[in-house]
Protein backbone atom coordinates (compact mmCIF):
# COMPACT_ATOMS: atom_id res chain seq x y z
CA PRO A 1 0.19 0.13 -0.11
CA VAL A 2 0.97 3.57 -0.65
CA ALA A 3 0.05 6.46 2.06
CA LEU A 4 0.34 9.86 0.92
CA ASP A 5 0.13 13.35 2.49
CA LEU A 6 -1.54 15.25 -0.71
CA ASP A 7 -2.01 18.88 1.38
CA ALA A 8 2.01 18.57 3.03
CA ASP A 9 0.06 19.06 6.51
CA GLY A 10 2.08 16.19 7.98
CA ARG A 11 -0.94 13.62 8.16
CA ARG A 12 -1.37 10.97 5.50
CA ASP A 13 -4.81 12.03 3.37
CA LEU A 14 -4.72 8.95 0.86
CA LEU A 15 -4.31 5.14 1.29
CA VAL A 16 -3.89 3.16 -2.15
CA ALA A 17 -4.05 -0.77 -2.48
CA PHE A 18 -4.74 -3.83 -4.19
CA ASP A 19 -7.99 -5.09 -3.80
CA GLY A 20 -7.75 -8.15 -5.87
CA ARG A 21 -6.95 -6.96 -9.36
CA ALA A 22 -8.55 -3.20 -8.24
CA VAL A 23 -6.63 -0.34 -7.37
CA VAL A 24 -8.52 1.25 -4.61
CA ALA A 25 -7.70 4.46 -2.99
CA LYS A 26 -9.50 5.50 0.47
CA THR A 27 -9.33 8.36 3.24
CA PRO A 28 -8.18 7.74 6.62
CA GLU A 29 -11.76 7.60 7.33
CA LEU A 30 -12.11 4.87 4.62
CA THR A 31 -14.04 6.47 2.64
CA GLU A 32 -13.58 5.74 -1.07
CA ARG A 33 -12.05 8.06 -3.45
CA PHE A 34 -11.34 5.76 -6.13
CA ARG A 35 -11.81 2.11 -7.68
CA VAL A 36 -9.98 1.36 -10.77
CA ALA A 37 -10.40 -2.60 -11.85
CA ASP A 38 -8.13 -3.83 -14.83
CA ASP A 39 -8.31 -6.67 -17.55
CA PRO A 40 -9.01 -9.75 -16.24
CA GLY A 41 -6.33 -11.99 -17.64
CA TRP A 42 -3.66 -9.91 -16.15
CA ASP A 43 -2.39 -10.47 -12.73
CA VAL A 44 -0.46 -7.90 -10.46
CA ALA A 45 3.56 -8.32 -10.48
CA GLY A 46 4.74 -5.82 -8.12
CA PRO A 47 3.88 -3.07 -5.40
CA LEU A 48 2.50 0.55 -6.63
CA ALA A 49 4.67 3.09 -7.39
CA PRO A 50 3.10 6.84 -6.64
CA LEU A 51 3.67 9.15 -9.72
CA GLN A 52 3.25 12.97 -9.33
CA ARG A 53 2.03 15.12 -12.24
CA ASP A 54 0.57 17.92 -13.29
CA GLY A 55 -2.73 16.33 -13.37
CA GLY A 56 -2.04 14.86 -9.81
CA TRP A 57 -1.03 11.77 -8.41
CA THR A 58 -1.22 8.44 -10.50
CA PHE A 59 -0.21 4.73 -9.32
CA SER A 60 1.79 2.51 -11.50
CA TYR A 61 2.57 -1.40 -10.96
CA ALA A 62 3.84 -4.33 -13.40
CA GLN A 63 1.39 -7.02 -14.69
CA PHE A 64 1.74 -10.26 -16.04
CA ASN A 65 -0.43 -12.45 -18.23
CA ALA A 66 0.58 -16.07 -17.10
CA SER A 67 -1.17 -17.36 -20.64
CA THR A 68 0.89 -15.34 -22.85
CA GLY A 69 4.22 -14.68 -20.90
CA GLU A 70 3.72 -10.95 -21.42
CA GLY A 71 4.51 -8.30 -18.80
CA ARG A 72 3.30 -4.49 -18.74
CA VAL A 73 3.29 -1.62 -16.93
CA VAL A 74 -0.19 0.29 -15.74
CA SER A 75 -0.57 3.60 -14.52
CA VAL A 76 -4.23 4.50 -12.59
CA GLY A 77 -5.86 7.48 -11.09
CA GLU A 78 -8.89 8.93 -10.15
CA ARG A 79 -10.12 8.94 -13.88
CA GLY A 80 -9.49 5.27 -14.41
CA VAL A 81 -6.34 4.00 -16.26
CA ALA A 82 -4.23 6.69 -16.89
CA TRP A 83 -1.80 4.41 -19.51
CA ARG A 84 -0.84 0.94 -20.25
CA SER A 85 2.57 0.01 -21.73
CA GLU A 86 2.86 -2.49 -24.75
CA PRO A 87 3.40 -6.04 -23.62
CA ILE A 88 6.61 -7.43 -23.76
CA ILE A 89 7.60 -11.35 -23.26
CA THR A 90 9.10 -11.57 -20.06
CA ALA A 91 8.58 -15.47 -19.56
CA GLY A 92 11.27 -16.74 -17.47
CA SER A 93 12.48 -13.38 -16.01
CA GLY A 94 9.63 -11.98 -14.30
CA GLN A 95 9.33 -8.38 -13.51
CA GLY A 96 10.84 -6.75 -10.67
CA TYR A 97 9.86 -3.92 -8.28
CA THR A 98 8.22 -0.75 -9.88
CA THR A 99 10.41 2.32 -9.14
CA VAL A 100 10.12 5.90 -10.75
CA ASP A 101 12.30 8.91 -10.74
CA ASP A 102 12.37 12.72 -11.52
CA LEU A 103 15.47 12.93 -14.05
CA ASP A 104 15.44 16.29 -14.87
CA GLY A 105 14.80 17.74 -11.19
CA ASP A 106 11.53 19.69 -12.01
CA GLY A 107 9.35 17.75 -9.31
CA GLN A 108 7.56 15.67 -11.95
CA ASP A 109 8.45 11.91 -12.45
CA ASP A 110 9.82 11.09 -15.50
CA VAL A 111 10.26 7.54 -15.97
CA ILE A 112 9.02 4.24 -14.57
CA GLY A 113 10.76 0.79 -14.76
CA SER A 114 10.07 -2.77 -13.64
């Protein structure tokens, strides 16, 4: 799970975690802010990684498809699925932890890797 302090007041405002194949965000009072279900056949392959952009926060994670041996990265937010990478064959090698970084120092995450 990811716990974020969205307004920089020192208190966590949002908890984001998996509920089966869905990504769910709730307030500390357990009020649901959003729920995004993803494609059947694709399973979670790594933890959530928060990404901050101009449009707010999205949450990315790696997925795998056991039927095809493919992997991909998905990013979701309050508006649903923000994007999905093209699938690549990962059979035998699997995926690692999902990581993000701000490469140019502008305060916005620029790259995601798994």
